[in-house]
């Protein structure tokens, strides 16, 4: 979970006026001293592997949702498209793509 906190920290730094993001960060800081240290000090970032599942707060939702990171093959210019989808939707999409 450490890497998710680092990404949250970077998002918070990029959008310091985002009220919902401030609320989430404040909640995490109060709830967990280890997470507070990671949010405040750690600058580690990570690439998500294909199929990585996490629980995240998504926009316009008030509770955590399980999501899956779907990584497509690298393109010619060495970029990679990452899709973050609700877990069940990601599985359906993968099954549809592999069936064709």
PDB file of N, CA and C in Angstrom:
ATOM      1  N   UNK A   1       0.821  -1.196   0.000  1.00  0.00           N
ATOM      2  CA  UNK A   1       0.000   0.000   0.000  1.00  0.00           C
ATOM      3  C   UNK A   1       0.862   1.255   0.000  1.00  0.00           C
ATOM      4  N   UNK A   2       2.106   1.098   0.372  1.00  0.00           N
ATOM      5  CA  UNK A   2       3.014   2.228   0.459  1.00  0.00           C
ATOM      6  C   UNK A   2       3.059   3.028  -0.834  1.00  0.00           C
ATOM      7  N   UNK A   3       3.061   2.344  -1.977  1.00  0.00           N
ATOM      8  CA  UNK A   3       3.173   3.042  -3.250  1.00  0.00           C
ATOM      9  C   UNK A   3       1.919   3.848  -3.562  1.00  0.00           C
ATOM     10  N   UNK A   4       0.761   3.340  -3.190  1.00  0.00           N
ATOM     11  CA  UNK A   4      -0.475   4.080  -3.384  1.00  0.00           C
ATOM     12  C   UNK A   4      -0.468   5.391  -2.606  1.00  0.00           C
ATOM     13  N   UNK A   5       0.089   5.363  -1.385  1.00  0.00           N
ATOM     14  CA  UNK A   5       0.183   6.583  -0.594  1.00  0.00           C
ATOM     15  C   UNK A   5       1.113   7.591  -1.250  1.00  0.00           C
ATOM     16  N   UNK A   6       2.214   7.109  -1.822  1.00  0.00           N
ATOM     17  CA  UNK A   6       3.139   8.018  -2.499  1.00  0.00           C
ATOM     18  C   UNK A   6       2.460   8.691  -3.678  1.00  0.00           C
ATOM     19  N   UNK A   7       1.676   7.932  -4.434  1.00  0.00           N
ATOM     20  CA  UNK A   7       0.959   8.512  -5.567  1.00  0.00           C
ATOM     21  C   UNK A   7      -0.100   9.496  -5.089  1.00  0.00           C
ATOM     22  N   UNK A   8      -0.749   9.169  -3.989  1.00  0.00           N
ATOM     23  CA  UNK A   8      -1.731  10.088  -3.400  1.00  0.00           C
ATOM     24  C   UNK A   8      -1.041  11.384  -2.970  1.00  0.00           C
ATOM     25  N   UNK A   9       0.131  11.255  -2.370  1.00  0.00           N
ATOM     26  CA  UNK A   9       0.895  12.429  -1.959  1.00  0.00           C
ATOM     27  C   UNK A   9       1.228  13.310  -3.159  1.00  0.00           C
ATOM     28  N   UNK A  10       1.652  12.683  -4.260  1.00  0.00           N
ATOM     29  CA  UNK A  10       1.980  13.446  -5.464  1.00  0.00           C
ATOM     30  C   UNK A  10       0.735  14.124  -6.048  1.00  0.00           C
ATOM     31  N   UNK A  11      -0.390  13.436  -6.028  1.00  0.00           N
ATOM     32  CA  UNK A  11      -1.640  14.038  -6.513  1.00  0.00           C
ATOM     33  C   UNK A  11      -2.032  15.219  -5.632  1.00  0.00           C
ATOM     34  N   UNK A  12      -1.861  15.064  -4.327  1.00  0.00           N
ATOM     35  CA  UNK A  12      -2.195  16.144  -3.397  1.00  0.00           C
ATOM     36  C   UNK A  12      -1.298  17.356  -3.632  1.00  0.00           C
ATOM     37  N   UNK A  13      -0.033  17.106  -3.899  1.00  0.00           N
ATOM     38  CA  UNK A  13       0.895  18.196  -4.181  1.00  0.00           C
ATOM     39  C   UNK A  13       0.506  18.934  -5.467  1.00  0.00           C
ATOM     40  N   UNK A  14       0.036  18.175  -6.461  1.00  0.00           N
ATOM     41  CA  UNK A  14      -0.354  18.771  -7.741  1.00  0.00           C
ATOM     42  C   UNK A  14      -1.687  19.512  -7.661  1.00  0.00           C
ATOM     43  N   UNK A  15      -2.557  19.111  -6.707  1.00  0.00           N
ATOM     44  CA  UNK A  15      -3.899  19.697  -6.596  1.00  0.00           C
ATOM     45  C   UNK A  15      -4.194  20.079  -5.141  1.00  0.00           C
ATOM     46  N   UNK A  16      -3.451  21.018  -4.583  1.00  0.00           N
ATOM     47  CA  UNK A  16      -3.614  21.342  -3.160  1.00  0.00           C
ATOM     48  C   UNK A  16      -4.965  21.964  -2.807  1.00  0.00           C
ATOM     49  N   UNK A  17      -5.704  22.451  -3.789  1.00  0.00           N
ATOM     50  CA  UNK A  17      -7.003  23.071  -3.504  1.00  0.00           C
ATOM     51  C   UNK A  17      -8.180  22.114  -3.678  1.00  0.00           C
ATOM     52  N   UNK A  18      -7.913  20.854  -3.971  1.00  0.00           N
ATOM     53  CA  UNK A  18      -8.962  19.860  -4.168  1.00  0.00           C
ATOM     54  C   UNK A  18      -9.526  19.457  -2.806  1.00  0.00           C
ATOM     55  N   UNK A  19     -10.743  19.878  -2.517  1.00  0.00           N
ATOM     56  CA  UNK A  19     -11.338  19.661  -1.190  1.00  0.00           C
ATOM     57  C   UNK A  19     -11.473  18.179  -0.858  1.00  0.00           C
ATOM     58  N   UNK A  20     -11.930  17.366  -1.802  1.00  0.00           N
ATOM     59  CA  UNK A  20     -12.111  15.929  -1.527  1.00  0.00           C
ATOM     60  C   UNK A  20     -10.762  15.257  -1.300  1.00  0.00           C
ATOM     61  N   UNK A  21      -9.766  15.618  -2.078  1.00  0.00           N
ATOM     62  CA  UNK A  21      -8.430  15.056  -1.908  1.00  0.00           C
ATOM     63  C   UNK A  21      -7.850  15.451  -0.552  1.00  0.00           C
ATOM     64  N   UNK A  22      -8.050  16.689  -0.142  1.00  0.00           N
ATOM     65  CA  UNK A  22      -7.610  17.131   1.186  1.00  0.00           C
ATOM     66  C   UNK A  22      -8.295  16.323   2.280  1.00  0.00           C
ATOM     67  N   UNK A  23      -9.589  16.092   2.108  1.00  0.00           N
ATOM     68  CA  UNK A  23     -10.359  15.330   3.094  1.00  0.00           C
ATOM     69  C   UNK A  23      -9.821  13.908   3.232  1.00  0.00           C
ATOM     70  N   UNK A  24      -9.555  13.255   2.102  1.00  0.00           N
ATOM     71  CA  UNK A  24      -9.043  11.881   2.122  1.00  0.00           C
ATOM     72  C   UNK A  24      -7.661  11.837   2.777  1.00  0.00           C
ATOM     73  N   UNK A  25      -6.776  12.745   2.380  1.00  0.00           N
ATOM     74  CA  UNK A  25      -5.423  12.772   2.956  1.00  0.00           C
ATOM     75  C   UNK A  25      -5.459  13.037   4.455  1.00  0.00           C
ATOM     76  N   UNK A  26      -6.291  13.963   4.888  1.00  0.00           N
ATOM     77  CA  UNK A  26      -6.416  14.255   6.324  1.00  0.00           C
ATOM     78  C   UNK A  26      -6.928  13.041   7.084  1.00  0.00           C
ATOM     79  N   UNK A  27      -7.904  12.344   6.525  1.00  0.00           N
ATOM     80  CA  UNK A  27      -8.460  11.143   7.158  1.00  0.00           C
ATOM     81  C   UNK A  27      -7.370  10.077   7.323  1.00  0.00           C
ATOM     82  N   UNK A  28      -6.596   9.866   6.273  1.00  0.00           N
ATOM     83  CA  UNK A  28      -5.530   8.861   6.325  1.00  0.00           C
ATOM     84  C   UNK A  28      -4.464   9.256   7.347  1.00  0.00           C
ATOM     85  N   UNK A  29      -4.075  10.523   7.347  1.00  0.00           N
ATOM     86  CA  UNK A  29      -3.058  10.989   8.297  1.00  0.00           C
ATOM     87  C   UNK A  29      -3.496  10.766   9.748  1.00  0.00           C
ATOM     88  N   UNK A  30      -4.760  11.022  10.040  1.00  0.00           N
ATOM     89  CA  UNK A  30      -5.262  10.840  11.404  1.00  0.00           C
ATOM     90  C   UNK A  30      -5.410   9.369  11.776  1.00  0.00           C
ATOM     91  N   UNK A  31      -5.718   8.537  10.800  1.00  0.00           N
ATOM     92  CA  UNK A  31      -6.017   7.135  11.072  1.00  0.00           C
ATOM     93  C   UNK A  31      -4.783   6.257  11.238  1.00  0.00           C
ATOM     94  N   UNK A  32      -3.666   6.627  10.604  1.00  0.00           N
ATOM     95  CA  UNK A  32      -2.527   5.711  10.575  1.00  0.00           C
ATOM     96  C   UNK A  32      -1.209   6.492  10.583  1.00  0.00           C
ATOM     97  N   UNK A  33      -0.414   6.363  11.659  1.00  0.00           N
ATOM     98  CA  UNK A  33       0.841   7.108  11.735  1.00  0.00           C
ATOM     99  C   UNK A  33       1.867   6.687  10.667  1.00  0.00           C
ATOM    100  N   UNK A  34       1.864   5.419  10.277  1.00  0.00           N
ATOM    101  CA  UNK A  34       2.782   4.959   9.223  1.00  0.00           C
ATOM    102  C   UNK A  34       2.375   5.583   7.890  1.00  0.00           C
ATOM    103  N   UNK A  35       1.089   5.557   7.593  1.00  0.00           N
ATOM    104  CA  UNK A  35       0.599   6.170   6.353  1.00  0.00           C
ATOM    105  C   UNK A  35       0.871   7.678   6.366  1.00  0.00           C
ATOM    106  N   UNK A  36       0.721   8.308   7.522  1.00  0.00           N
ATOM    107  CA  UNK A  36       0.999   9.740   7.638  1.00  0.00           C
ATOM    108  C   UNK A  36       2.445  10.037   7.252  1.00  0.00           C
ATOM    109  N   UNK A  37       3.386   9.211   7.741  1.00  0.00           N
ATOM    110  CA  UNK A  37       4.796   9.405   7.409  1.00  0.00           C
ATOM    111  C   UNK A  37       5.028   9.240   5.909  1.00  0.00           C
ATOM    112  N   UNK A  38       4.388   8.244   5.312  1.00  0.00           N
ATOM    113  CA  UNK A  38       4.559   8.018   3.870  1.00  0.00           C
ATOM    114  C   UNK A  38       3.973   9.182   3.080  1.00  0.00           C
ATOM    115  N   UNK A  39       2.789   9.646   3.475  1.00  0.00           N
ATOM    116  CA  UNK A  39       2.180  10.779   2.778  1.00  0.00           C
ATOM    117  C   UNK A  39       3.022  12.043   2.898  1.00  0.00           C
ATOM    118  N   UNK A  40       3.642  12.231   4.045  1.00  0.00           N
ATOM    119  CA  UNK A  40       4.384  13.467   4.289  1.00  0.00           C
ATOM    120  C   UNK A  40       5.828  13.425   3.799  1.00  0.00           C
ATOM    121  N   UNK A  41       6.463  12.240   3.782  1.00  0.00           N
ATOM    122  CA  UNK A  41       7.902  12.180   3.539  1.00  0.00           C
ATOM    123  C   UNK A  41       8.350  11.339   2.347  1.00  0.00           C
ATOM    124  N   UNK A  42       7.664  10.261   2.040  1.00  0.00           N
ATOM    125  CA  UNK A  42       8.167   9.294   1.065  1.00  0.00           C
ATOM    126  C   UNK A  42       7.864   9.748  -0.361  1.00  0.00           C
ATOM    127  N   UNK A  43       8.832   9.651  -1.244  1.00  0.00           N
ATOM    128  CA  UNK A  43       8.639  10.068  -2.641  1.00  0.00           C
ATOM    129  C   UNK A  43       8.732   8.891  -3.612  1.00  0.00           C
ATOM    130  N   UNK A  44       8.606   7.677  -3.120  1.00  0.00           N
ATOM    131  CA  UNK A  44       8.687   6.492  -3.966  1.00  0.00           C
ATOM    132  C   UNK A  44       7.482   6.410  -4.894  1.00  0.00           C
ATOM    133  N   UNK A  45       7.715   6.041  -6.143  1.00  0.00           N
ATOM    134  CA  UNK A  45       6.630   5.781  -7.101  1.00  0.00           C
ATOM    135  C   UNK A  45       6.869   4.408  -7.722  1.00  0.00           C
ATOM    136  N   UNK A  46       5.835   3.814  -8.274  1.00  0.00           N
ATOM    137  CA  UNK A  46       5.947   2.464  -8.828  1.00  0.00           C
ATOM    138  C   UNK A  46       5.055   2.337 -10.052  1.00  0.00           C
ATOM    139  N   UNK A  47       5.460   1.480 -10.975  1.00  0.00           N
ATOM    140  CA  UNK A  47       4.605   1.145 -12.111  1.00  0.00           C
ATOM    141  C   UNK A  47       3.715  -0.026 -11.693  1.00  0.00           C
ATOM    142  N   UNK A  48       2.446   0.060 -12.013  1.00  0.00           N
ATOM    143  CA  UNK A  48       1.518  -1.008 -11.642  1.00  0.00           C
ATOM    144  C   UNK A  48       1.607  -2.152 -12.641  1.00  0.00           C
ATOM    145  N   UNK A  49       1.809  -3.376 -12.171  1.00  0.00           N
ATOM    146  CA  UNK A  49       1.810  -4.505 -13.096  1.00  0.00           C
ATOM    147  C   UNK A  49       0.392  -4.827 -13.561  1.00  0.00           C
ATOM    148  N   UNK A  50       0.302  -5.440 -14.721  1.00  0.00           N
ATOM    149  CA  UNK A  50      -1.003  -5.848 -15.248  1.00  0.00           C
ATOM    150  C   UNK A  50      -1.682  -6.780 -14.257  1.00  0.00           C
ATOM    151  N   UNK A  51      -2.944  -6.508 -13.982  1.00  0.00           N
ATOM    152  CA  UNK A  51      -3.708  -7.357 -13.081  1.00  0.00           C
ATOM    153  C   UNK A  51      -3.603  -6.971 -11.616  1.00  0.00           C
ATOM    154  N   UNK A  52      -2.839  -5.951 -11.303  1.00  0.00           N
ATOM    155  CA  UNK A  52      -2.695  -5.499  -9.920  1.00  0.00           C
ATOM    156  C   UNK A  52      -4.050  -5.000  -9.426  1.00  0.00           C
ATOM    157  N   UNK A  53      -4.495  -5.513  -8.284  1.00  0.00           N
ATOM    158  CA  UNK A  53      -5.774  -5.095  -7.706  1.00  0.00           C
ATOM    159  C   UNK A  53      -5.531  -4.268  -6.461  1.00  0.00           C
ATOM    160  N   UNK A  54      -6.266  -3.178  -6.358  1.00  0.00           N
ATOM    161  CA  UNK A  54      -6.161  -2.273  -5.215  1.00  0.00           C
ATOM    162  C   UNK A  54      -7.557  -1.820  -4.824  1.00  0.00           C
ATOM    163  N   UNK A  55      -7.664  -1.322  -3.611  1.00  0.00           N
ATOM    164  CA  UNK A  55      -8.908  -0.692  -3.167  1.00  0.00           C
ATOM    165  C   UNK A  55      -8.643   0.797  -3.145  1.00  0.00           C
ATOM    166  N   UNK A  56      -9.463   1.555  -3.873  1.00  0.00           N
ATOM    167  CA  UNK A  56      -9.264   2.988  -4.017  1.00  0.00           C
ATOM    168  C   UNK A  56     -10.559   3.742  -3.759  1.00  0.00           C
ATOM    169  N   UNK A  57     -10.411   5.008  -3.427  1.00  0.00           N
ATOM    170  CA  UNK A  57     -11.551   5.914  -3.418  1.00  0.00           C
ATOM    171  C   UNK A  57     -11.629   6.508  -4.821  1.00  0.00           C
ATOM    172  N   UNK A  58     -12.753   6.342  -5.483  1.00  0.00           N
ATOM    173  CA  UNK A  58     -12.955   6.880  -6.818  1.00  0.00           C
ATOM    174  C   UNK A  58     -13.807   8.144  -6.739  1.00  0.00           C
ATOM    175  N   UNK A  59     -13.679   9.022  -7.744  1.00  0.00           N
ATOM    176  CA  UNK A  59     -14.491  10.249  -7.737  1.00  0.00           C
ATOM    177  C   UNK A  59     -15.983   9.930  -7.628  1.00  0.00           C
ATOM    178  N   UNK A  60     -16.686  10.726  -6.891  1.00  0.00           N
ATOM    179  CA  UNK A  60     -18.141  10.634  -6.739  1.00  0.00           C
ATOM    180  C   UNK A  60     -18.584   9.372  -6.006  1.00  0.00           C
ATOM    181  N   UNK A  61     -17.670   8.728  -5.272  1.00  0.00           N
ATOM    182  CA  UNK A  61     -18.035   7.587  -4.443  1.00  0.00           C
ATOM    183  C   UNK A  61     -17.522   7.863  -3.042  1.00  0.00           C
ATOM    184  N   UNK A  62     -18.239   7.390  -2.054  1.00  0.00           N
ATOM    185  CA  UNK A  62     -17.871   7.691  -0.674  1.00  0.00           C
ATOM    186  C   UNK A  62     -17.302   6.488   0.066  1.00  0.00           C
ATOM    187  N   UNK A  63     -17.051   5.411  -0.656  1.00  0.00           N
ATOM    188  CA  UNK A  63     -16.429   4.250  -0.033  1.00  0.00           C
ATOM    189  C   UNK A  63     -15.406   3.662  -1.000  1.00  0.00           C
ATOM    190  N   UNK A  64     -14.526   2.833  -0.464  1.00  0.00           N
ATOM    191  CA  UNK A  64     -13.500   2.222  -1.293  1.00  0.00           C
ATOM    192  C   UNK A  64     -14.122   1.280  -2.315  1.00  0.00           C
ATOM    193  N   UNK A  65     -13.475   1.190  -3.470  1.00  0.00           N
ATOM    194  CA  UNK A  65     -13.907   0.294  -4.539  1.00  0.00           C
ATOM    195  C   UNK A  65     -12.702  -0.509  -4.996  1.00  0.00           C
ATOM    196  N   UNK A  66     -12.886  -1.801  -5.210  1.00  0.00           N
ATOM    197  CA  UNK A  66     -11.790  -2.602  -5.742  1.00  0.00           C
ATOM    198  C   UNK A  66     -11.648  -2.324  -7.225  1.00  0.00           C
ATOM    199  N   UNK A  67     -10.414  -2.012  -7.639  1.00  0.00           N
ATOM    200  CA  UNK A  67     -10.121  -1.759  -9.040  1.00  0.00           C
ATOM    201  C   UNK A  67      -8.983  -2.670  -9.477  1.00  0.00           C
ATOM    202  N   UNK A  68      -8.880  -2.825 -10.784  1.00  0.00           N
ATOM    203  CA  UNK A  68      -7.784  -3.601 -11.354  1.00  0.00           C
ATOM    204  C   UNK A  68      -7.075  -2.740 -12.385  1.00  0.00           C
ATOM    205  N   UNK A  69      -5.755  -2.790 -12.358  1.00  0.00           N
ATOM    206  CA  UNK A  69      -4.949  -2.080 -13.347  1.00  0.00           C
ATOM    207  C   UNK A  69      -4.744  -3.014 -14.530  1.00  0.00           C
ATOM    208  N   UNK A  70      -5.201  -2.576 -15.695  1.00  0.00           N
ATOM    209  CA  UNK A  70      -5.049  -3.356 -16.925  1.00  0.00           C
ATOM    210  C   UNK A  70      -3.988  -2.653 -17.760  1.00  0.00           C
ATOM    211  N   UNK A  71      -2.888  -3.355 -18.015  1.00  0.00           N
ATOM    212  CA  UNK A  71      -1.773  -2.771 -18.764  1.00  0.00           C
ATOM    213  C   UNK A  71      -1.736  -3.367 -20.164  1.00  0.00           C
ATOM    214  N   UNK A  72      -1.804  -2.507 -21.155  1.00  0.00           N
ATOM    215  CA  UNK A  72      -1.699  -2.960 -22.535  1.00  0.00           C
ATOM    216  C   UNK A  72      -0.228  -3.034 -22.924  1.00  0.00           C
ATOM    217  N   UNK A  73       0.054  -3.734 -24.017  1.00  0.00           N
ATOM    218  CA  UNK A  73       1.435  -3.874 -24.480  1.00  0.00           C
ATOM    219  C   UNK A  73       2.043  -2.511 -24.772  1.00  0.00           C
ATOM    220  N   UNK A  74       3.356  -2.440 -24.672  1.00  0.00           N
ATOM    221  CA  UNK A  74       4.051  -1.183 -24.982  1.00  0.00           C
ATOM    222  C   UNK A  74       3.879  -0.841 -26.453  1.00  0.00           C
ATOM    223  N   UNK A  75       3.699   0.447 -26.712  1.00  0.00           N
ATOM    224  CA  UNK A  75       3.549   0.932 -28.077  1.00  0.00           C
ATOM    225  C   UNK A  75       4.922   1.174 -28.690  1.00  0.00           C
ATOM    226  N   UNK A  76       4.940   1.523 -29.957  1.00  0.00           N
ATOM    227  CA  UNK A  76       6.193   1.734 -30.662  1.00  0.00           C
ATOM    228  C   UNK A  76       7.082   2.788 -30.046  1.00  0.00           C
ATOM    229  N   UNK A  77       6.498   3.797 -29.441  1.00  0.00           N
ATOM    230  CA  UNK A  77       7.303   4.858 -28.822  1.00  0.00           C
ATOM    231  C   UNK A  77       7.596   4.559 -27.348  1.00  0.00           C
ATOM    232  N   UNK A  78       7.420   3.290 -26.948  1.00  0.00           N
ATOM    233  CA  UNK A  78       7.721   2.797 -25.606  1.00  0.00           C
ATOM    234  C   UNK A  78       6.780   3.331 -24.534  1.00  0.00           C
ATOM    235  N   UNK A  79       5.622   3.872 -24.935  1.00  0.00           N
ATOM    236  CA  UNK A  79       4.614   4.256 -23.954  1.00  0.00           C
ATOM    237  C   UNK A  79       3.700   3.072 -23.698  1.00  0.00           C
ATOM    238  N   UNK A  80       2.973   3.118 -22.616  1.00  0.00           N
ATOM    239  CA  UNK A  80       2.104   2.006 -22.241  1.00  0.00           C
ATOM    240  C   UNK A  80       0.790   2.567 -21.730  1.00  0.00           C
ATOM    241  N   UNK A  81      -0.312   2.075 -22.254  1.00  0.00           N
ATOM    242  CA  UNK A  81      -1.621   2.513 -21.807  1.00  0.00           C
ATOM    243  C   UNK A  81      -2.046   1.685 -20.601  1.00  0.00           C
ATOM    244  N   UNK A  82      -2.428   2.384 -19.532  1.00  0.00           N
ATOM    245  CA  UNK A  82      -2.917   1.732 -18.317  1.00  0.00           C
ATOM    246  C   UNK A  82      -4.376   2.128 -18.131  1.00  0.00           C
ATOM    247  N   UNK A  83      -5.202   1.149 -17.860  1.00  0.00           N
ATOM    248  CA  UNK A  83      -6.617   1.393 -17.601  1.00  0.00           C
ATOM    249  C   UNK A  83      -6.897   0.955 -16.171  1.00  0.00           C
ATOM    250  N   UNK A  84      -7.571   1.812 -15.430  1.00  0.00           N
ATOM    251  CA  UNK A  84      -7.992   1.462 -14.074  1.00  0.00           C
ATOM    252  C   UNK A  84      -9.498   1.260 -14.141  1.00  0.00           C
ATOM    253  N   UNK A  85      -9.923   0.030 -13.895  1.00  0.00           N
ATOM    254  CA  UNK A  85     -11.340  -0.306 -14.030  1.00  0.00           C
ATOM    255  C   UNK A  85     -11.817  -1.032 -12.775  1.00  0.00           C
ATOM    256  N   UNK A  86     -13.103  -0.903 -12.460  1.00  0.00           N
ATOM    257  CA  UNK A  86     -13.632  -1.717 -11.366  1.00  0.00           C
ATOM    258  C   UNK A  86     -13.293  -3.182 -11.608  1.00  0.00           C
ATOM    259  N   UNK A  87     -12.934  -3.909 -10.561  1.00  0.00           N
ATOM    260  CA  UNK A  87     -12.436  -5.279 -10.687  1.00  0.00           C
ATOM    261  C   UNK A  87     -13.268  -6.189 -11.558  1.00  0.00           C
ATOM    262  N   UNK A  88     -14.589  -6.214 -11.367  1.00  0.00           N
ATOM    263  CA  UNK A  88     -15.427  -7.114 -12.152  1.00  0.00           C
ATOM    264  C   UNK A  88     -15.475  -6.706 -13.619  1.00  0.00           C
ATOM    265  N   UNK A  89     -15.483  -5.410 -13.895  1.00  0.00           N
ATOM    266  CA  UNK A  89     -15.502  -4.913 -15.261  1.00  0.00           C
ATOM    267  C   UNK A  89     -14.197  -5.254 -15.983  1.00  0.00           C
ATOM    268  N   UNK A  90     -13.069  -5.156 -15.283  1.00  0.00           N
ATOM    269  CA  UNK A  90     -11.768  -5.484 -15.869  1.00  0.00           C
ATOM    270  C   UNK A  90     -11.725  -6.943 -16.294  1.00  0.00           C
ATOM    271  N   UNK A  91     -12.240  -7.831 -15.464  1.00  0.00           N
ATOM    272  CA  UNK A  91     -12.253  -9.254 -15.801  1.00  0.00           C
ATOM    273  C   UNK A  91     -13.122  -9.530 -17.028  1.00  0.00           C
ATOM    274  N   UNK A  92     -14.290  -8.887 -17.110  1.00  0.00           N
ATOM    275  CA  UNK A  92     -15.169  -9.064 -18.272  1.00  0.00           C
ATOM    276  C   UNK A  92     -14.484  -8.579 -19.542  1.00  0.00           C
ATOM    277  N   UNK A  93     -13.808  -7.450 -19.469  1.00  0.00           N
ATOM    278  CA  UNK A  93     -13.119  -6.906 -20.642  1.00  0.00           C
ATOM    279  C   UNK A  93     -11.999  -7.832 -21.097  1.00  0.00           C
ATOM    280  N   UNK A  94     -11.245  -8.384 -20.157  1.00  0.00           N
ATOM    281  CA  UNK A  94     -10.159  -9.299 -20.514  1.00  0.00           C
ATOM    282  C   UNK A  94     -10.702 -10.553 -21.192  1.00  0.00           C
ATOM    283  N   UNK A  95     -11.799 -11.077 -20.676  1.00  0.00           N
ATOM    284  CA  UNK A  95     -12.397 -12.280 -21.269  1.00  0.00           C
ATOM    285  C   UNK A  95     -12.893 -11.991 -22.672  1.00  0.00           C
ATOM    286  N   UNK A  96     -13.480 -10.820 -22.882  1.00  0.00           N
ATOM    287  CA  UNK A  96     -13.979 -10.444 -24.201  1.00  0.00           C
ATOM    288  C   UNK A  96     -12.823 -10.302 -25.176  1.00  0.00           C
ATOM    289  N   UNK A  97     -11.732  -9.670 -24.758  1.00  0.00           N
ATOM    290  CA  UNK A  97     -10.591  -9.449 -25.641  1.00  0.00           C
ATOM    291  C   UNK A  97      -9.895 -10.761 -26.009  1.00  0.00           C
ATOM    292  N   UNK A  98      -9.780 -11.673 -25.068  1.00  0.00           N
ATOM    293  CA  UNK A  98      -9.080 -12.931 -25.350  1.00  0.00           C
ATOM    294  C   UNK A  98      -9.946 -13.898 -26.148  1.00  0.00           C
ATOM    295  N   UNK A  99     -11.266 -13.717 -26.133  1.00  0.00           N
ATOM    296  CA  UNK A  99     -12.170 -14.598 -26.879  1.00  0.00           C
ATOM    297  C   UNK A  99     -12.187 -14.266 -28.366  1.00  0.00           C
ATOM    298  N   UNK A 100     -11.737 -13.063 -28.714  1.00  0.00           N
ATOM    299  CA  UNK A 100     -11.806 -12.648 -30.118  1.00  0.00           C
ATOM    300  C   UNK A 100     -10.586 -13.050 -30.885  1.00  0.00           C
TER     301      UNK A 100
END
